[in-house]
C-alpha atoms as a PDB file:
ATOM      1  CA  MET A   1       0.272   0.097   0.163  1.00  0.00           C
ATOM      2  CA  ASP A   2       1.354   3.342  -0.883  1.00  0.00           C
ATOM      3  CA  PRO A   3       1.824   5.943   1.751  1.00  0.00           C
ATOM      4  CA  PRO A   4      -0.351   8.987   2.288  1.00  0.00           C
ATOM      5  CA  SER A   5       0.371  11.919   0.005  1.00  0.00           C
ATOM      6  CA  GLY A   6       3.373  13.854   1.518  1.00  0.00           C
ATOM      7  CA  PHE A   7       4.251  11.101   4.143  1.00  0.00           C
ATOM      8  CA  LEU A   8       7.886  10.698   2.720  1.00  0.00           C
ATOM      9  CA  ASN A   9       8.352  14.442   2.676  1.00  0.00           C
ATOM     10  CA  ARG A  10       7.863  14.853   6.516  1.00  0.00           C
ATOM     11  CA  THR A  11      10.756  15.427   8.761  1.00  0.00           C
ATOM     12  CA  PRO A  12      10.320  13.977  12.579  1.00  0.00           C
ATOM     13  CA  ILE A  13      10.505  16.916  15.013  1.00  0.00           C
ATOM     14  CA  ARG A  14      13.381  16.179  17.274  1.00  0.00           C
ATOM     15  CA  GLY A  15      12.253  16.353  20.789  1.00  0.00           C
ATOM     16  CA  PHE A  16      13.142  15.876  24.451  1.00  0.00           C
ATOM     17  CA  ARG A  17      12.633  13.334  26.955  1.00  0.00           C
ATOM     18  CA  ASP A  18      11.696  15.802  29.533  1.00  0.00           C
ATOM     19  CA  ARG A  19      12.887  19.423  30.802  1.00  0.00           C
ATOM     20  CA  TYR A  20      16.172  18.189  32.079  1.00  0.00           C
ATOM     21  CA  ASP A  21      17.117  16.479  28.837  1.00  0.00           C
ATOM     22  CA  ALA A  22      15.974  19.922  27.093  1.00  0.00           C
ATOM     23  CA  GLY A  23      18.469  21.619  29.620  1.00  0.00           C
ATOM     24  CA  ARG A  24      21.461  19.688  28.651  1.00  0.00           C
ATOM     25  CA  ALA A  25      20.834  20.131  24.964  1.00  0.00           C
ATOM     26  CA  LEU A  26      20.552  23.709  25.729  1.00  0.00           C
ATOM     27  CA  ALA A  27      23.507  23.728  27.608  1.00  0.00           C
ATOM     28  CA  GLU A  28      25.727  22.401  24.761  1.00  0.00           C
ATOM     29  CA  ARG A  29      24.680  25.365  22.815  1.00  0.00           C
ATOM     30  CA  LEU A  30      25.958  27.882  25.527  1.00  0.00           C
ATOM     31  CA  VAL A  31      29.196  26.286  26.207  1.00  0.00           C
ATOM     32  CA  SER A  32      31.088  29.296  25.248  1.00  0.00           C
ATOM     33  CA  TYR A  33      29.895  31.127  28.388  1.00  0.00           C
ATOM     34  CA  ARG A  34      31.183  28.475  30.654  1.00  0.00           C
ATOM     35  CA  GLY A  35      33.576  29.994  33.073  1.00  0.00           C
ATOM     36  CA  THR A  36      32.417  33.584  32.546  1.00  0.00           C
ATOM     37  CA  PRO A  37      32.965  35.492  35.869  1.00  0.00           C
ATOM     38  CA  GLY A  38      29.694  35.996  37.761  1.00  0.00           C
ATOM     39  CA  LEU A  39      27.535  34.087  35.296  1.00  0.00           C
ATOM     40  CA  LEU A  40      23.920  34.103  36.421  1.00  0.00           C
ATOM     41  CA  VAL A  41      21.216  31.808  35.106  1.00  0.00           C
ATOM     42  CA  LEU A  42      17.660  32.770  35.760  1.00  0.00           C
ATOM     43  CA  GLY A  43      15.039  30.387  35.449  1.00  0.00           C
ATOM     44  CA  LEU A  44      11.303  31.325  34.771  1.00  0.00           C
ATOM     45  CA  PRO A  45       9.094  29.267  37.025  1.00  0.00           C
ATOM     46  CA  ARG A  46       8.156  26.754  37.009  1.00  0.00           C
ATOM     47  CA  GLY A  47       9.040  24.819  34.053  1.00  0.00           C
ATOM     48  CA  GLY A  48      12.141  27.066  33.366  1.00  0.00           C
ATOM     49  CA  ILE A  49      13.632  25.837  36.770  1.00  0.00           C
ATOM     50  CA  PRO A  50      14.589  22.352  35.854  1.00  0.00           C
ATOM     51  CA  VAL A  51      15.800  23.523  32.463  1.00  0.00           C
ATOM     52  CA  GLY A  52      18.077  26.282  33.998  1.00  0.00           C
ATOM     53  CA  TRP A  53      19.385  23.962  36.831  1.00  0.00           C
ATOM     54  CA  GLU A  54      20.942  21.902  33.813  1.00  0.00           C
ATOM     55  CA  VAL A  55      22.222  25.004  32.187  1.00  0.00           C
ATOM     56  CA  ALA A  56      23.704  26.285  35.222  1.00  0.00           C
ATOM     57  CA  SER A  57      25.317  23.082  36.306  1.00  0.00           C
ATOM     58  CA  ALA A  58      27.113  22.588  33.062  1.00  0.00           C
ATOM     59  CA  LEU A  59      28.033  26.227  32.789  1.00  0.00           C
ATOM     60  CA  HIS A  60      29.117  26.456  36.623  1.00  0.00           C
ATOM     61  CA  ALA A  61      26.972  29.372  37.209  1.00  0.00           C
ATOM     62  CA  GLU A  62      24.703  30.561  39.937  1.00  0.00           C
ATOM     63  CA  LEU A  63      21.053  29.800  39.545  1.00  0.00           C
ATOM     64  CA  ASP A  64      18.134  32.030  40.907  1.00  0.00           C
ATOM     65  CA  VAL A  65      14.434  32.217  40.091  1.00  0.00           C
ATOM     66  CA  PHE A  66      12.912  34.961  38.051  1.00  0.00           C
ATOM     67  CA  LEU A  67       9.127  35.200  38.215  1.00  0.00           C
ATOM     68  CA  VAL A  68       6.729  36.232  35.502  1.00  0.00           C
ATOM     69  CA  ARG A  69       2.957  35.953  35.557  1.00  0.00           C
ATOM     70  CA  LYS A  70       0.906  35.955  32.400  1.00  0.00           C
ATOM     71  CA  LEU A  71      -1.939  38.696  32.329  1.00  0.00           C
ATOM     72  CA  GLY A  72      -4.784  36.578  31.333  1.00  0.00           C
ATOM     73  CA  VAL A  73      -7.708  38.120  29.594  1.00  0.00           C
ATOM     74  CA  PRO A  74     -11.026  38.228  31.945  1.00  0.00           C
ATOM     75  CA  GLN A  75     -12.987  35.316  30.976  1.00  0.00           C
ATOM     76  CA  LEU A  76     -10.520  33.947  28.703  1.00  0.00           C
ATOM     77  CA  PRO A  77      -7.575  33.495  30.950  1.00  0.00           C
ATOM     78  CA  GLU A  78      -5.450  31.285  28.881  1.00  0.00           C
ATOM     79  CA  LEU A  79      -5.258  34.236  26.282  1.00  0.00           C
ATOM     80  CA  ALA A  80      -2.444  36.620  27.253  1.00  0.00           C
ATOM     81  CA  MET A  81      -2.857  40.102  27.127  1.00  0.00           C
ATOM     82  CA  GLY A  82       0.446  40.817  28.768  1.00  0.00           C
ATOM     83  CA  ALA A  83       2.807  39.864  31.492  1.00  0.00           C
ATOM     84  CA  LEU A  84       4.227  40.955  34.887  1.00  0.00           C
ATOM     85  CA  ALA A  85       7.890  40.219  36.069  1.00  0.00           C
ATOM     86  CA  SER A  86       9.728  40.359  39.340  1.00  0.00           C
ATOM     87  CA  GLY A  87      10.722  43.861  40.162  1.00  0.00           C
ATOM     88  CA  GLY A  88       7.315  45.333  38.501  1.00  0.00           C
ATOM     89  CA  GLY A  89       8.132  45.161  34.699  1.00  0.00           C
ATOM     90  CA  VAL A  90       5.102  44.832  32.744  1.00  0.00           C
ATOM     91  CA  VAL A  91       4.412  44.230  28.931  1.00  0.00           C
ATOM     92  CA  MET A  92       1.118  44.550  27.397  1.00  0.00           C
ATOM     93  CA  ASN A  93      -0.155  43.422  24.086  1.00  0.00           C
ATOM     94  CA  THR A  94      -1.981  46.436  22.909  1.00  0.00           C
ATOM     95  CA  ASN A  95      -3.608  44.780  19.954  1.00  0.00           C
ATOM     96  CA  VAL A  96      -5.237  42.187  22.290  1.00  0.00           C
ATOM     97  CA  VAL A  97      -6.118  44.860  24.900  1.00  0.00           C
ATOM     98  CA  SER A  98      -7.681  47.017  22.102  1.00  0.00           C
ATOM     99  CA  SER A  99      -9.389  44.463  20.289  1.00  0.00           C
ATOM    100  CA  LEU A 100     -11.040  42.907  23.269  1.00  0.00           C
ATOM    101  CA  ARG A 101     -12.037  46.180  24.728  1.00  0.00           C
ATOM    102  CA  ILE A 102     -10.406  45.450  27.981  1.00  0.00           C
ATOM    103  CA  THR A 103     -11.313  48.403  30.305  1.00  0.00           C
ATOM    104  CA  PRO A 104      -8.682  49.981  32.714  1.00  0.00           C
ATOM    105  CA  GLU A 105     -10.567  48.520  35.550  1.00  0.00           C
ATOM    106  CA  GLN A 106     -10.479  45.138  34.271  1.00  0.00           C
ATOM    107  CA  LEU A 107      -6.442  45.540  33.687  1.00  0.00           C
ATOM    108  CA  ARG A 108      -5.898  46.866  37.163  1.00  0.00           C
ATOM    109  CA  ALA A 109      -7.776  43.749  38.364  1.00  0.00           C
ATOM    110  CA  VAL A 110      -5.768  41.302  36.729  1.00  0.00           C
ATOM    111  CA  VAL A 111      -2.627  42.985  37.515  1.00  0.00           C
ATOM    112  CA  ALA A 112      -3.292  43.236  41.174  1.00  0.00           C
ATOM    113  CA  ALA A 113      -4.269  39.503  41.331  1.00  0.00           C
ATOM    114  CA  GLU A 114      -1.215  38.283  39.534  1.00  0.00           C
ATOM    115  CA  ARG A 115       0.997  40.467  41.559  1.00  0.00           C
ATOM    116  CA  ALA A 116      -0.235  38.999  44.801  1.00  0.00           C
ATOM    117  CA  GLU A 117       0.637  35.580  43.199  1.00  0.00           C
ATOM    118  CA  LEU A 118       3.883  36.763  42.060  1.00  0.00           C
ATOM    119  CA  ASN A 119       4.852  37.981  45.526  1.00  0.00           C
ATOM    120  CA  ARG A 120       3.539  34.702  47.064  1.00  0.00           C
ATOM    121  CA  ARG A 121       5.696  32.478  44.988  1.00  0.00           C
ATOM    122  CA  GLU A 122       8.843  34.678  45.628  1.00  0.00           C
ATOM    123  CA  ARG A 123       8.392  34.025  49.219  1.00  0.00           C
ATOM    124  CA  ALA A 124       7.612  30.399  48.786  1.00  0.00           C
ATOM    125  CA  TYR A 125      10.522  29.731  46.345  1.00  0.00           C
ATOM    126  CA  ARG A 126      13.244  31.743  48.060  1.00  0.00           C
ATOM    127  CA  GLU A 127      12.607  30.348  51.574  1.00  0.00           C
ATOM    128  CA  GLY A 128      14.597  33.300  52.947  1.00  0.00           C
ATOM    129  CA  ARG A 129      17.541  33.338  50.451  1.00  0.00           C
ATOM    130  CA  GLN A 130      18.884  36.571  49.118  1.00  0.00           C
ATOM    131  CA  VAL A 131      17.826  37.498  45.743  1.00  0.00           C
ATOM    132  CA  ALA A 132      20.643  37.222  43.355  1.00  0.00           C
ATOM    133  CA  ASP A 133      21.804  40.494  41.947  1.00  0.00           C
ATOM    134  CA  PRO A 134      22.372  41.024  38.067  1.00  0.00           C
ATOM    135  CA  PHE A 135      24.163  44.033  38.388  1.00  0.00           C
ATOM    136  CA  GLY A 136      27.191  43.963  36.230  1.00  0.00           C
ATOM    137  CA  ARG A 137      26.956  40.258  35.307  1.00  0.00           C
ATOM    138  CA  VAL A 138      26.085  38.150  32.142  1.00  0.00           C
ATOM    139  CA  VAL A 139      22.551  37.191  32.627  1.00  0.00           C
ATOM    140  CA  ILE A 140      21.060  33.815  30.913  1.00  0.00           C
ATOM    141  CA  LEU A 141      17.142  33.922  30.976  1.00  0.00           C
ATOM    142  CA  VAL A 142      15.850  30.421  30.794  1.00  0.00           C
ATOM    143  CA  ASP A 143      12.584  28.781  30.158  1.00  0.00           C
ATOM    144  CA  ASP A 144      11.026  25.583  29.075  1.00  0.00           C
ATOM    145  CA  GLY A 145       9.907  27.256  25.805  1.00  0.00           C
ATOM    146  CA  ILE A 146       8.256  30.183  24.323  1.00  0.00           C
ATOM    147  CA  ALA A 147       5.075  30.522  22.578  1.00  0.00           C
ATOM    148  CA  THR A 148       4.186  34.377  22.052  1.00  0.00           C
ATOM    149  CA  GLY A 149       7.493  35.498  23.915  1.00  0.00           C
ATOM    150  CA  ALA A 150       5.439  37.933  25.969  1.00  0.00           C
ATOM    151  CA  SER A 151       6.589  36.448  29.317  1.00  0.00           C
ATOM    152  CA  MET A 152      10.193  36.282  28.331  1.00  0.00           C
ATOM    153  CA  LEU A 153      10.118  39.792  26.910  1.00  0.00           C
ATOM    154  CA  ALA A 154       8.766  41.116  30.404  1.00  0.00           C
ATOM    155  CA  ALA A 155      11.436  39.312  32.144  1.00  0.00           C
ATOM    156  CA  VAL A 156      14.255  40.878  29.893  1.00  0.00           C
ATOM    157  CA  ARG A 157      12.868  44.353  30.192  1.00  0.00           C
ATOM    158  CA  ALA A 158      12.810  43.941  33.929  1.00  0.00           C
ATOM    159  CA  VAL A 159      16.223  42.369  34.053  1.00  0.00           C
ATOM    160  CA  ARG A 160      17.614  45.445  31.886  1.00  0.00           C
ATOM    161  CA  THR A 161      16.565  47.625  34.745  1.00  0.00           C
ATOM    162  CA  THR A 162      19.263  46.244  37.118  1.00  0.00           C
ATOM    163  CA  LYS A 163      22.007  47.127  34.576  1.00  0.00           C
ATOM    164  CA  PRO A 164      23.433  43.613  33.742  1.00  0.00           C
ATOM    165  CA  ARG A 165      26.455  43.486  31.465  1.00  0.00           C
ATOM    166  CA  SER A 166      24.479  41.263  28.985  1.00  0.00           C
ATOM    167  CA  VAL A 167      21.374  39.701  28.624  1.00  0.00           C
ATOM    168  CA  VAL A 168      21.126  36.232  26.880  1.00  0.00           C
ATOM    169  CA  VAL A 169      17.899  34.237  26.505  1.00  0.00           C
ATOM    170  CA  ALA A 170      18.170  30.607  25.958  1.00  0.00           C
ATOM    171  CA  VAL A 171      14.930  28.181  25.329  1.00  0.00           C
ATOM    172  CA  PRO A 172      14.850  24.598  24.218  1.00  0.00           C
ATOM    173  CA  VAL A 173      11.789  25.387  21.602  1.00  0.00           C
ATOM    174  CA  GLY A 174       9.983  28.234  20.193  1.00  0.00           C
ATOM    175  CA  PRO A 175       8.282  29.561  17.113  1.00  0.00           C
ATOM    176  CA  ALA A 176      10.605  31.528  14.347  1.00  0.00           C
ATOM    177  CA  ALA A 177       8.680  34.484  14.581  1.00  0.00           C
ATOM    178  CA  ALA A 178       8.704  34.941  18.462  1.00  0.00           C
ATOM    179  CA  CYS A 179      12.205  33.805  18.493  1.00  0.00           C
ATOM    180  CA  GLY A 180      13.061  36.585  15.871  1.00  0.00           C
ATOM    181  CA  GLU A 181      11.212  39.341  17.739  1.00  0.00           C
ATOM    182  CA  LEU A 182      12.990  38.371  20.939  1.00  0.00           C
ATOM    183  CA  ALA A 183      16.404  38.267  19.492  1.00  0.00           C
ATOM    184  CA  ARG A 184      16.276  41.840  18.587  1.00  0.00           C
ATOM    185  CA  ASP A 185      15.766  42.569  22.279  1.00  0.00           C
ATOM    186  CA  VAL A 186      18.816  40.894  23.699  1.00  0.00           C
ATOM    187  CA  ASP A 187      22.546  40.646  23.426  1.00  0.00           C
ATOM    188  CA  ASP A 188      22.465  36.869  22.432  1.00  0.00           C
ATOM    189  CA  PHE A 189      19.579  34.358  21.867  1.00  0.00           C
ATOM    190  CA  VAL A 190      19.624  30.567  21.743  1.00  0.00           C
ATOM    191  CA  CYS A 191      16.819  28.350  20.666  1.00  0.00           C
ATOM    192  CA  VAL A 192      17.336  24.641  20.094  1.00  0.00           C
ATOM    193  CA  ILE A 193      14.192  23.981  18.150  1.00  0.00           C
ATOM    194  CA  THR A 194      12.076  26.056  15.932  1.00  0.00           C
ATOM    195  CA  PRO A 195       9.679  23.758  14.523  1.00  0.00           C
ATOM    196  CA  ASP A 196       7.863  24.556  10.991  1.00  0.00           C
ATOM    197  CA  VAL A 197       4.639  23.944  12.601  1.00  0.00           C
ATOM    198  CA  PHE A 198       4.337  25.279  16.096  1.00  0.00           C
ATOM    199  CA  ASP A 199       1.328  23.888  18.075  1.00  0.00           C
ATOM    200  CA  ALA A 200       2.679  24.483  21.679  1.00  0.00           C
ATOM    201  CA  VAL A 201       5.765  24.255  23.857  1.00  0.00           C
ATOM    202  CA  GLY A 202       4.733  20.661  24.937  1.00  0.00           C
ATOM    203  CA  GLN A 203       4.707  19.262  21.540  1.00  0.00           C
ATOM    204  CA  VAL A 204       8.559  18.502  21.710  1.00  0.00           C
ATOM    205  CA  TYR A 205       8.320  16.766  25.031  1.00  0.00           C
ATOM    206  CA  GLY A 206       7.841  13.195  25.949  1.00  0.00           C
ATOM    207  CA  ASP A 207       7.259  14.349  29.600  1.00  0.00           C
ATOM    208  CA  PHE A 208       5.848  17.611  30.127  1.00  0.00           C
ATOM    209  CA  HIS A 209       4.008  17.433  33.601  1.00  0.00           C
ATOM    210  CA  GLN A 210       3.391  20.418  35.826  1.00  0.00           C
ATOM    211  CA  VAL A 211       6.443  21.418  37.809  1.00  0.00           C
ATOM    212  CA  SER A 212       5.702  21.515  41.319  1.00  0.00           C
ATOM    213  CA  ASP A 213       6.689  24.321  44.047  1.00  0.00           C
ATOM    214  CA  ASP A 214       8.369  21.542  45.560  1.00  0.00           C
ATOM    215  CA  GLU A 215      10.545  20.535  42.853  1.00  0.00           C
ATOM    216  CA  VAL A 216      11.427  24.249  42.131  1.00  0.00           C
ATOM    217  CA  ARG A 217      12.515  24.639  45.780  1.00  0.00           C
ATOM    218  CA  ARG A 218      14.385  21.631  45.684  1.00  0.00           C
ATOM    219  CA  LEU A 219      16.321  22.648  42.553  1.00  0.00           C
ATOM    220  CA  LEU A 220      17.117  26.178  43.872  1.00  0.00           C
ATOM    221  CA  SER A 221      18.579  24.732  46.975  1.00  0.00           C
ATOM    222  CA  ALA A 222      20.706  22.458  45.217  1.00  0.00           C
ATOM    223  CA  THR A 223      24.299  23.256  44.350  1.00  0.00           C
ATOM    224  CA  THR A 224      24.884  23.704  40.645  1.00  0.00           C
ATOM    225  CA  SER A 225      28.577  25.089  40.376  1.00  0.00           C
END
């Protein structure tokens, strides 16, 4: 029996077993940063922490958490109208806000709710540990992937306010368009896989379970260097 039309032309998408496997693959692309004095890896929780742990371990870098919360549209919380980052950085998708006629009152309510959750996670993840200072350092921002790039862009802009020496964004997977946009905002950008057809970050993972707060705390308390 002949295969379906186009079958022979399809190229399988390379994938990762889990986030740790993705982190090791990502670290291979970042090997030139190994040994950089004061190198700091900031993982976006929760999925970016296992990836970031592998990167920090391979590069002998300090690992810390950098929180970003999606600002979901009221009644459609899965649709992002922006993002909120540690330090107060906010990035808005003005096209979404205007097209859906989001009112200032609705926006303030969503920001307040997400800020409260961001502050809760800051306290829970750090367990009293001091926040890493990016000032004058090479900072690598890591997540388990990007879709729209809004959360990572919020993180980049927030980190920039701390005056690091340079900002690098590193992710295992993302769509070409979003990767291209982010690359213009950073000093270096690394992405392992850019699928021809991008459906979701999880499409390249065999195991894409939700990372727990306990897993985040355990990795942040483990030595990487």
